[in-house]
Protein backbone atom coordinates (compact mmCIF):
# COMPACT_ATOMS: atom_id res chain seq x y z
CA MET A 1 16.90 -27.96 12.75
CA ILE A 2 20.21 -26.63 11.45
CA PRO A 3 20.34 -22.83 11.23
CA ARG A 4 20.87 -21.59 7.66
CA PHE A 5 20.55 -25.12 6.30
CA ARG A 6 19.94 -23.91 2.72
CA ASP A 7 23.19 -21.97 2.73
CA HIS A 8 25.12 -24.96 4.09
CA ALA A 9 23.51 -27.27 1.52
CA ALA A 10 24.36 -24.87 -1.32
CA ASN A 11 27.95 -24.67 -0.07
CA GLU A 12 28.18 -28.46 -0.02
CA ARG A 13 26.71 -28.77 -3.53
CA THR A 14 29.26 -26.26 -4.81
CA TYR A 15 32.06 -28.20 -3.12
CA LEU A 16 30.89 -31.45 -4.69
CA ALA A 17 30.71 -29.77 -8.11
CA TRP A 18 34.35 -28.66 -7.74
CA VAL A 19 35.38 -32.17 -6.69
CA ARG A 20 33.50 -33.67 -9.64
CA THR A 21 35.26 -31.27 -12.00
CA ALA A 22 38.65 -32.09 -10.49
CA VAL A 23 38.03 -35.83 -10.83
CA ALA A 24 37.08 -35.31 -14.50
CA ILE A 25 40.30 -33.35 -15.12
CA MET A 26 42.33 -36.07 -13.40
CA ALA A 27 40.61 -38.76 -15.48
CA PHE A 28 41.34 -36.77 -18.64
CA GLY A 29 45.01 -36.56 -17.61
CA PHE A 30 45.09 -40.31 -17.05
CA LEU A 31 43.46 -40.84 -20.45
CA VAL A 32 45.99 -38.58 -22.22
CA GLU A 33 48.90 -40.41 -20.63
CA ARG A 34 47.61 -43.95 -21.18
CA PHE A 35 46.06 -43.44 -24.61
CA ASP A 36 49.31 -42.04 -25.99
CA LEU A 37 51.14 -45.00 -24.49
CA PHE A 38 48.66 -47.28 -26.27
CA LEU A 39 49.21 -45.46 -29.59
CA ALA A 40 52.98 -45.68 -29.17
CA TYR A 41 52.66 -49.42 -28.57
CA LEU A 42 50.52 -49.82 -31.69
CA GLY A 43 53.02 -47.78 -33.70
CA ARG A 44 55.92 -49.99 -32.62
CA SER A 45 54.10 -53.27 -33.22
CA GLY A 46 52.87 -52.34 -36.72
CA SER A 47 54.36 -54.53 -39.44
CA ALA A 48 54.61 -51.79 -42.07
CA SER A 49 56.67 -48.98 -40.62
CA PRO A 50 57.58 -45.90 -42.62
CA PRO A 51 61.23 -45.23 -43.39
CA ALA A 52 63.28 -43.63 -40.66
CA SER A 53 64.02 -40.66 -42.94
CA SER A 54 60.45 -39.38 -42.54
CA GLY A 55 61.27 -38.34 -38.98
CA VAL A 56 57.70 -38.73 -37.76
CA PHE A 57 58.02 -42.29 -36.49
CA SER A 58 61.71 -42.25 -35.63
CA PRO A 59 62.62 -43.65 -32.21
CA VAL A 60 63.70 -40.20 -30.99
CA ALA A 61 60.40 -38.60 -32.06
CA ALA A 62 58.41 -41.45 -30.53
CA HIS A 63 60.28 -41.09 -27.23
CA HIS A 64 59.75 -37.30 -27.24
CA HIS A 65 56.05 -37.79 -28.01
CA LEU A 66 55.65 -40.34 -25.22
CA HIS A 67 57.50 -38.10 -22.75
CA ALA A 68 55.30 -35.12 -23.67
CA ALA A 69 52.16 -37.20 -23.15
CA GLN A 70 53.40 -38.28 -19.73
CA VAL A 71 54.14 -34.69 -18.72
CA VAL A 72 50.74 -33.47 -19.94
CA GLY A 73 48.93 -36.34 -18.21
CA LEU A 74 50.74 -35.82 -14.92
CA ALA A 75 50.18 -32.05 -15.11
CA LEU A 76 46.43 -32.58 -15.51
CA ILE A 77 46.38 -35.02 -12.60
CA ALA A 78 48.29 -32.50 -10.46
CA LEU A 79 45.89 -29.76 -11.52
CA GLY A 80 43.00 -31.94 -10.34
CA VAL A 81 44.66 -32.39 -6.95
CA VAL A 82 45.24 -28.63 -6.64
CA ILE A 83 41.58 -27.97 -7.48
CA ILE A 84 40.43 -30.42 -4.80
CA ILE A 85 42.69 -28.76 -2.21
CA GLY A 86 41.45 -25.29 -3.21
CA ALA A 87 37.83 -26.42 -3.16
CA THR A 88 38.27 -27.91 0.31
CA VAL A 89 39.81 -24.68 1.64
CA ARG A 90 36.97 -22.69 0.06
CA PHE A 91 34.34 -25.06 1.50
CA VAL A 92 35.70 -24.82 5.05
CA HIS A 93 36.03 -21.03 4.81
CA HIS A 94 32.45 -20.59 3.59
CA ARG A 95 31.15 -23.04 6.19
CA LYS A 96 32.68 -20.93 8.97
CA THR A 97 31.40 -17.75 7.34
CA ILE A 98 27.84 -19.11 7.07
CA ALA A 99 27.87 -20.13 10.74
CA CYS A 100 29.15 -16.69 11.77
CA GLU A 101 26.55 -14.15 12.86
CA GLU A 102 28.30 -11.08 11.48
CA GLU A 103 27.90 -9.91 7.90
CA VAL A 104 30.85 -10.45 5.56
CA GLY A 105 31.47 -9.79 1.88
CA TYR A 106 31.10 -12.62 -0.62
CA GLY A 107 34.49 -12.59 -2.25
CA THR A 108 37.07 -10.63 -4.14
CA VAL A 109 37.77 -9.92 -7.76
CA VAL A 110 41.23 -11.48 -7.34
CA GLY A 111 39.85 -15.01 -6.90
CA ASP A 112 37.58 -14.70 -9.92
CA GLY A 113 40.39 -13.23 -12.00
CA LEU A 114 42.78 -16.04 -11.04
CA LEU A 115 40.16 -18.64 -11.90
CA ALA A 116 39.52 -17.01 -15.28
CA LEU A 117 43.27 -16.83 -15.95
CA LEU A 118 43.65 -20.50 -15.00
CA LEU A 119 40.86 -21.51 -17.37
CA VAL A 120 42.32 -19.46 -20.23
CA CYS A 121 45.77 -21.00 -19.66
CA PHE A 122 44.24 -24.48 -19.52
CA ALA A 123 42.34 -23.92 -22.77
CA ALA A 124 45.44 -22.50 -24.49
CA PHE A 125 47.54 -25.41 -23.26
CA LEU A 126 45.05 -27.96 -24.58
CA GLY A 127 44.80 -26.11 -27.89
CA ILE A 128 48.59 -26.09 -28.32
CA TYR A 129 48.77 -29.76 -27.33
CA VAL A 130 46.09 -30.78 -29.86
CA TYR A 131 47.75 -28.66 -32.58
CA HIS A 132 51.11 -30.30 -31.84
CA GLN A 133 49.54 -33.76 -32.00
CA LEU A 134 47.88 -33.00 -35.34
CA MET A 135 51.15 -31.69 -36.78
CA THR A 136 52.99 -34.79 -35.53
CA LEU A 137 50.48 -37.16 -37.14
CA GLY A 138 50.00 -35.15 -40.33
């Protein structure tokens, strides 16, 4: 029997939850990039296009919109990769700590604070992005 099996299993479940979250963020980034490309294609192939004076569907605005979607999509994919790397480092560290016989502290406030700051920045970024998209369409 493996000593402290429950602790190792809990560590592995936590690692898999982080990986699952990272894959979801990466998929969302892929969706943002490809769905905007699809919308740009539909906008160009439409038979009734608004006049260029409106500014919303001008070629310059369409290119800027497509570039922004690519940047946002790639940033989300990169964020997913960073989360997987961080989760792997955390998993290996906790695995060694569980196997160790001496008593150690669980963690620091710095890690929790950085995670909370990252989530707040991510939520603000998505909110600004959605607001910008609504203003572009409306």
